[in-house]
Every structure is written in C-alpha cells, then in structure tokens.
C-alpha cells in the first residue's frame, strides 16, 4: 500500500475515534466535534482511496466532489452519496457561533461515518 494512503487512513481513524468518544461522553459531550470529526473521517478515507489509485488528492473538503473522483475507479461508491451529502455540512455548520449540534445530529453523523468507513476499509488493503 502507498505510504501516503496509510497516513490518510491513520488520520481518518483518529477522527473516527474522536467522533465516537465525543458521542459517548457522559460528561460534557461535544456533539459539534462528533459531527465535525465524522465529516473529517469520511474526507480522509475518500482521499486515501484516491491516493491509492495513484492520484494526489485535491485540497478540497467537499465530500461529493471527492466522491466524483472515486466513482470512475469503483462505481459502487454511488450508494454513499446520501451519507456523504449529510456529512458535508458538518465541515463548517457547527464550528462557529450560532449553531450547536444536538445528540441526534451527532448520532446521525457517526452512523454515516461508520457506513462509509466500513465500505472503504473493505476496498482498501487495510490490515
């Protein structure tokens, strides 16, 4: 596996752990962070897949744009589009004053992240 692919996967896994931890926290859960890190995990897994195809991932955060780069290599990615669109908004939605994620938002985000993670881990030669 490409060494950069491994780095992308490791960073994605860190985001996934953080998202789950914040969702499960009994004291002072940070649902904003759970949503943000779920989006970040998806972004990094998509970039890992793109990297593994021998293409340098673009410096973009739009999950649908990244999905479009993956589809020529694996059309099965199409079923992830709704989950990716749902996560896309979390790259900025709760990062600034005026909006705060609820527990339900965080649950939905982590659930979508889990689906995306499972699919991509099955496609990447992850040990």
Foldseek 3Di string as FASTA:
>chain_A
DPPVLVVLQVLLVVLLVLLVCLLPDPPPRQLLSNLQSLLSSLQSLLQSQLVVVVDHDDPDSQNVVSLVSCCVVPVVSVVLVVLSVLSSCSNPVDPDPDDGDDSVSSVSSSVSSVVSVVVSPVVDVDD
